[in-house]
Amino acid sequence: MRVAYRVLFASTFAFVVCFAVWMMFGVLGIPIRQELGLNATEFGLLTATPVLSGAALRLPLGIWTDRYGGRLVMTVLLLACALPVWLVGYAHALWQFLAIGLALGAVGASFAVGTPYVARFFPASRRGFAMGVFGAGTSGAALNLFVTPALASHWGWRAVPPIYAVALLVTTGLFWLLSAPDPVVGKGGKAPGLAAQLRVLRDPRVWKYCQYYSLTFGGFTALSLWMPQYFIGEYGVAIGVAAALAASFSLPAGALRALGGALS
């Protein structure tokens, strides 16, 4: 089980970093909005674009995880997303932020990679606990709310994306060193084809739980992104105070996943 817990730690750490990057525009979007003079709709597009691509890419990345293994897919994902994150600091128009946001949004699909990867290392009796701990990586939303305002206040908002990009690169190396080869992929014969993998979509239970997930996790994501701007607009507080207030929601919401998983 030592390898299993090492994989759990590495995957959860990577997911925390990925989620912080995915939620970046929740705080970073505020000075960007001021700089570009964005209205509420444009600000909503800015914050929603990474979420859109992250959600859309979960299916193909989940399929690739089944085929190539979570260790390889997560490593490539972390490495590939460092470039668009870095480029955020050099964007000057809304369309550039939206295009880059679509690319960096792929980090949000890391959940679909890490979940099956981690689960394969644990017996059924411990799988709920493992999934809960990994799912607590959504606390990366709170990490972003603490880190981004501090960095932006010292060096300006354009310094934040390069720092996050370096964090992704460092995380890539740590994840590869601490993780282990997928125990299932490459064993037991040929991997199922695409048609066989998509057959699960015929099960109405899949769609039912998708709707549940869209309300629960979708609501968590939306509030984590929108709360800082809301507190600033409604109460006139500083960005650091607004982010701290938002973190009072996202931090316990993410951390309680571990408890929920253990109870399951």
Protein backbone atom coordinates (compact mmCIF):
# COMPACT_ATOMS: atom_id res chain seq x y z
CA MET A 1 0.00 0.00 0.00
CA ARG A 2 2.99 2.31 0.26
CA VAL A 3 2.99 2.81 -3.50
CA ALA A 4 -0.76 3.44 -3.45
CA TYR A 5 -0.47 6.22 -0.88
CA ARG A 6 2.45 7.74 -2.74
CA VAL A 7 0.35 7.81 -5.91
CA LEU A 8 -2.54 9.32 -3.94
CA PHE A 9 -0.31 12.08 -2.58
CA ALA A 10 1.25 12.85 -5.97
CA SER A 11 -2.10 12.87 -7.76
CA THR A 12 -3.81 15.01 -5.13
CA PHE A 13 -0.96 17.50 -5.13
CA ALA A 14 -1.11 17.73 -8.93
CA PHE A 15 -4.88 18.18 -8.81
CA VAL A 16 -4.59 21.00 -6.25
CA VAL A 17 -2.21 22.87 -8.55
CA CYS A 18 -4.35 22.17 -11.61
CA PHE A 19 -7.48 23.41 -9.87
CA ALA A 20 -5.77 26.59 -8.68
CA VAL A 21 -4.73 27.31 -12.27
CA TRP A 22 -8.20 26.43 -13.57
CA MET A 23 -9.78 28.98 -11.19
CA MET A 24 -7.16 31.62 -11.94
CA PHE A 25 -9.50 34.05 -13.71
CA GLY A 26 -11.79 34.21 -10.68
CA VAL A 27 -9.26 36.61 -9.12
CA LEU A 28 -7.04 37.53 -12.04
CA GLY A 29 -10.10 38.48 -14.07
CA ILE A 30 -10.79 41.43 -11.77
CA PRO A 31 -7.74 43.54 -12.75
CA ILE A 32 -8.12 42.28 -16.33
CA ARG A 33 -11.71 43.54 -16.34
CA GLN A 34 -10.58 46.93 -15.09
CA GLU A 35 -7.76 47.12 -17.62
CA LEU A 36 -9.94 46.17 -20.61
CA GLY A 37 -13.14 47.85 -19.42
CA LEU A 38 -15.16 44.63 -19.65
CA ASN A 39 -18.88 44.53 -18.91
CA ALA A 40 -20.51 41.83 -16.79
CA THR A 41 -21.17 39.56 -19.78
CA GLU A 42 -17.60 39.79 -21.04
CA PHE A 43 -16.26 39.12 -17.55
CA GLY A 44 -18.52 36.10 -17.34
CA LEU A 45 -17.14 34.80 -20.64
CA LEU A 46 -13.59 35.33 -19.40
CA THR A 47 -14.14 33.27 -16.26
CA ALA A 48 -16.31 30.62 -17.92
CA THR A 49 -14.11 29.82 -20.94
CA PRO A 50 -11.56 27.64 -19.07
CA VAL A 51 -14.41 25.84 -17.31
CA LEU A 52 -16.07 25.11 -20.65
CA SER A 53 -13.01 23.54 -22.24
CA GLY A 54 -12.08 21.73 -19.02
CA ALA A 55 -15.50 20.12 -18.88
CA ALA A 56 -15.53 19.22 -22.57
CA LEU A 57 -12.10 17.59 -22.42
CA ARG A 58 -12.91 15.30 -19.51
CA LEU A 59 -14.41 12.64 -21.76
CA PRO A 60 -11.48 12.30 -24.20
CA LEU A 61 -8.89 12.52 -21.43
CA GLY A 62 -10.76 9.89 -19.45
CA ILE A 63 -10.71 7.63 -22.50
CA TRP A 64 -6.99 8.22 -22.99
CA THR A 65 -6.41 7.44 -19.31
CA ASP A 66 -8.05 4.05 -19.78
CA ARG A 67 -5.90 3.44 -22.83
CA TYR A 68 -2.51 4.90 -21.93
CA GLY A 69 -2.56 5.15 -18.14
CA GLY A 70 -3.05 8.03 -15.75
CA ARG A 71 0.62 8.61 -15.10
CA LEU A 72 1.42 9.37 -18.72
CA VAL A 73 -1.73 11.38 -19.44
CA MET A 74 -1.43 13.52 -16.30
CA THR A 75 2.24 14.23 -16.98
CA VAL A 76 1.55 15.31 -20.56
CA LEU A 77 -1.41 17.41 -19.45
CA LEU A 78 0.60 19.28 -16.82
CA LEU A 79 3.44 19.88 -19.23
CA ALA A 80 1.23 20.99 -22.12
CA CYS A 81 -0.79 23.47 -20.07
CA ALA A 82 2.25 25.39 -18.83
CA LEU A 83 2.58 27.26 -22.15
CA PRO A 84 -0.95 28.72 -22.38
CA VAL A 85 -0.80 29.67 -18.71
CA TRP A 86 2.46 31.53 -19.35
CA LEU A 87 0.91 33.33 -22.34
CA VAL A 88 -1.87 34.83 -20.22
CA GLY A 89 0.63 37.39 -18.99
CA TYR A 90 1.19 38.60 -22.56
CA ALA A 91 -2.44 38.92 -23.69
CA HIS A 92 -3.87 42.40 -24.30
CA ALA A 93 -7.29 41.84 -25.88
CA LEU A 94 -10.38 39.94 -24.79
CA TRP A 95 -10.23 37.52 -27.73
CA GLN A 96 -6.66 36.63 -26.77
CA PHE A 97 -7.69 35.88 -23.18
CA LEU A 98 -10.60 33.76 -24.42
CA ALA A 99 -8.43 31.78 -26.84
CA ILE A 100 -5.76 31.17 -24.23
CA GLY A 101 -8.45 30.36 -21.66
CA LEU A 102 -9.77 27.58 -23.88
CA ALA A 103 -6.28 26.06 -23.99
CA LEU A 104 -5.40 26.37 -20.31
CA GLY A 105 -8.85 25.07 -19.38
CA ALA A 106 -7.55 21.59 -20.11
CA VAL A 107 -6.10 21.51 -16.59
CA GLY A 108 -9.66 21.22 -15.33
CA ALA A 109 -9.90 17.83 -17.01
CA SER A 110 -7.21 16.52 -14.66
CA PHE A 111 -10.01 15.23 -12.43
CA ALA A 112 -11.03 12.73 -15.12
CA VAL A 113 -7.42 11.55 -15.30
CA GLY A 114 -6.61 11.28 -11.63
CA THR A 115 -9.84 9.64 -10.46
CA PRO A 116 -9.52 6.34 -12.37
CA TYR A 117 -5.74 6.36 -11.99
CA VAL A 118 -5.84 6.61 -8.19
CA ALA A 119 -8.77 4.19 -7.87
CA ARG A 120 -6.79 1.38 -9.51
CA PHE A 121 -4.28 1.34 -6.65
CA PHE A 122 -6.84 0.82 -3.87
CA PRO A 123 -9.12 -2.09 -2.94
CA ALA A 124 -12.86 -1.49 -2.94
CA SER A 125 -12.88 -1.10 0.85
CA ARG A 126 -10.52 1.91 0.65
CA ARG A 127 -11.55 3.38 -2.68
CA GLY A 128 -14.07 5.84 -1.26
CA PHE A 129 -11.43 7.25 1.07
CA ALA A 130 -8.92 7.55 -1.77
CA MET A 131 -11.44 9.28 -4.04
CA GLY A 132 -12.38 11.65 -1.24
CA VAL A 133 -8.78 12.63 -0.58
CA PHE A 134 -8.11 13.13 -4.26
CA GLY A 135 -11.34 15.08 -4.68
CA ALA A 136 -10.26 17.40 -1.88
CA GLY A 137 -7.84 18.76 -4.45
CA THR A 138 -10.63 21.18 -5.36
CA SER A 139 -9.27 23.12 -2.40
CA GLY A 140 -6.93 24.47 -5.06
CA ALA A 141 -9.69 27.03 -5.60
CA ALA A 142 -8.96 28.38 -2.12
CA LEU A 143 -5.21 28.24 -2.79
CA ASN A 144 -5.75 30.46 -5.82
CA LEU A 145 -7.81 32.88 -3.72
CA PHE A 146 -4.96 33.26 -1.23
CA VAL A 147 -1.97 33.20 -3.59
CA THR A 148 -3.11 35.29 -6.57
CA PRO A 149 -4.03 38.49 -4.65
CA ALA A 150 -0.74 38.33 -2.73
CA LEU A 151 1.34 37.91 -5.89
CA ALA A 152 -0.61 40.54 -7.82
CA SER A 153 -0.28 43.12 -5.04
CA HIS A 154 3.51 42.75 -4.99
CA TRP A 155 4.39 42.36 -8.67
CA GLY A 156 1.23 43.14 -10.63
CA TRP A 157 -1.26 40.70 -12.12
CA ARG A 158 0.91 39.93 -15.18
CA ALA A 159 3.49 38.29 -12.93
CA VAL A 160 0.99 35.67 -11.75
CA PRO A 161 0.62 33.55 -14.94
CA PRO A 162 4.38 32.92 -15.35
CA ILE A 163 4.60 31.88 -11.69
CA TYR A 164 1.69 29.50 -12.17
CA ALA A 165 3.32 28.14 -15.33
CA VAL A 166 6.53 27.40 -13.43
CA ALA A 167 4.43 25.76 -10.70
CA LEU A 168 2.93 23.46 -13.34
CA LEU A 169 6.39 22.50 -14.60
CA VAL A 170 7.64 21.77 -11.08
CA THR A 171 4.50 19.76 -10.40
CA THR A 172 5.09 17.78 -13.59
CA GLY A 173 8.49 16.65 -12.35
CA LEU A 174 7.29 15.85 -8.84
CA PHE A 175 4.30 13.92 -10.12
CA TRP A 176 6.41 11.79 -12.44
CA LEU A 177 8.93 11.03 -9.69
CA LEU A 178 6.37 10.16 -7.02
CA SER A 179 3.76 8.36 -9.11
CA ALA A 180 3.90 4.81 -10.44
CA PRO A 181 2.95 3.03 -13.68
CA ASP A 182 -0.74 2.31 -14.00
CA PRO A 183 -1.34 -1.21 -12.61
CA VAL A 184 -4.05 -2.03 -15.16
CA VAL A 185 -3.03 -0.48 -18.47
CA GLY A 186 -0.98 -2.76 -20.68
CA LYS A 187 -2.09 -5.90 -18.90
CA GLY A 188 -4.89 -8.32 -19.62
CA GLY A 189 -4.94 -8.08 -23.39
CA LYS A 190 -5.92 -5.39 -25.86
CA ALA A 191 -7.57 -2.23 -24.57
CA PRO A 192 -11.24 -1.74 -25.52
CA GLY A 193 -11.92 0.33 -28.60
CA LEU A 194 -13.59 3.74 -28.68
CA ALA A 195 -17.02 2.32 -29.51
CA ALA A 196 -16.86 -0.02 -26.52
CA GLN A 197 -15.82 2.80 -24.22
CA LEU A 198 -18.62 5.08 -25.42
CA ARG A 199 -21.21 2.35 -24.91
CA VAL A 200 -21.50 3.45 -21.29
CA LEU A 201 -23.30 6.57 -22.52
CA ARG A 202 -26.32 4.41 -23.29
CA ASP A 203 -26.85 3.85 -19.58
CA PRO A 204 -29.44 6.37 -18.31
CA ARG A 205 -27.79 6.32 -14.88
CA VAL A 206 -24.75 8.02 -16.40
CA TRP A 207 -26.85 10.94 -17.60
CA LYS A 208 -28.72 11.11 -14.30
CA TYR A 209 -25.53 11.44 -12.30
CA CYS A 210 -24.18 13.93 -14.82
CA GLN A 211 -27.12 16.17 -13.95
CA TYR A 212 -26.47 15.75 -10.23
CA TYR A 213 -22.82 16.59 -10.77
CA SER A 214 -23.59 19.63 -12.91
CA LEU A 215 -25.64 21.09 -10.05
CA THR A 216 -23.31 20.24 -7.17
CA PHE A 217 -19.83 20.64 -8.62
CA GLY A 218 -21.03 23.15 -11.20
CA GLY A 219 -22.46 25.31 -8.45
CA PHE A 220 -19.24 25.06 -6.45
CA THR A 221 -17.17 26.08 -9.48
CA ALA A 222 -19.43 28.97 -10.42
CA LEU A 223 -19.51 30.41 -6.91
CA SER A 224 -15.74 30.04 -6.50
CA LEU A 225 -15.24 32.07 -9.66
CA TRP A 226 -17.90 34.71 -9.09
CA MET A 227 -17.67 35.42 -5.36
CA PRO A 228 -14.58 37.69 -5.41
CA GLN A 229 -16.12 39.99 -8.02
CA TYR A 230 -19.45 39.92 -6.16
CA PHE A 231 -17.95 40.99 -2.83
CA ILE A 232 -16.01 43.79 -4.51
CA GLY A 233 -19.03 45.06 -6.44
CA GLU A 234 -21.56 44.80 -3.63
CA TYR A 235 -19.49 45.76 -0.59
CA GLY A 236 -16.55 47.68 -2.04
CA VAL A 237 -13.95 45.59 -0.25
CA ALA A 238 -10.36 45.19 -1.44
CA ILE A 239 -9.52 42.28 -3.72
CA GLY A 240 -7.59 40.50 -0.95
CA VAL A 241 -10.55 40.72 1.43
CA ALA A 242 -12.96 39.57 -1.28
CA ALA A 243 -10.74 36.58 -2.06
CA ALA A 244 -10.50 35.64 1.62
CA LEU A 245 -14.28 35.77 1.97
CA ALA A 246 -14.66 33.57 -1.10
CA ALA A 247 -12.09 31.14 0.32
CA SER A 248 -14.27 30.69 3.40
CA PHE A 249 -16.66 28.91 1.04
CA SER A 250 -14.33 27.03 -1.30
CA LEU A 251 -11.84 25.73 1.31
CA PRO A 252 -14.27 23.77 3.52
CA ALA A 253 -16.30 22.71 0.50
CA GLY A 254 -13.21 21.11 -1.00
CA ALA A 255 -11.77 19.71 2.22
CA LEU A 256 -15.02 18.01 3.23
CA ARG A 257 -14.75 15.80 0.16
CA ALA A 258 -12.21 13.70 2.04
CA LEU A 259 -14.70 13.12 4.85
CA GLY A 260 -17.47 12.31 2.39
CA GLY A 261 -15.26 9.81 0.62
CA ALA A 262 -14.29 8.12 3.87
CA LEU A 263 -17.93 7.82 4.92
CA SER A 264 -18.86 6.29 1.58
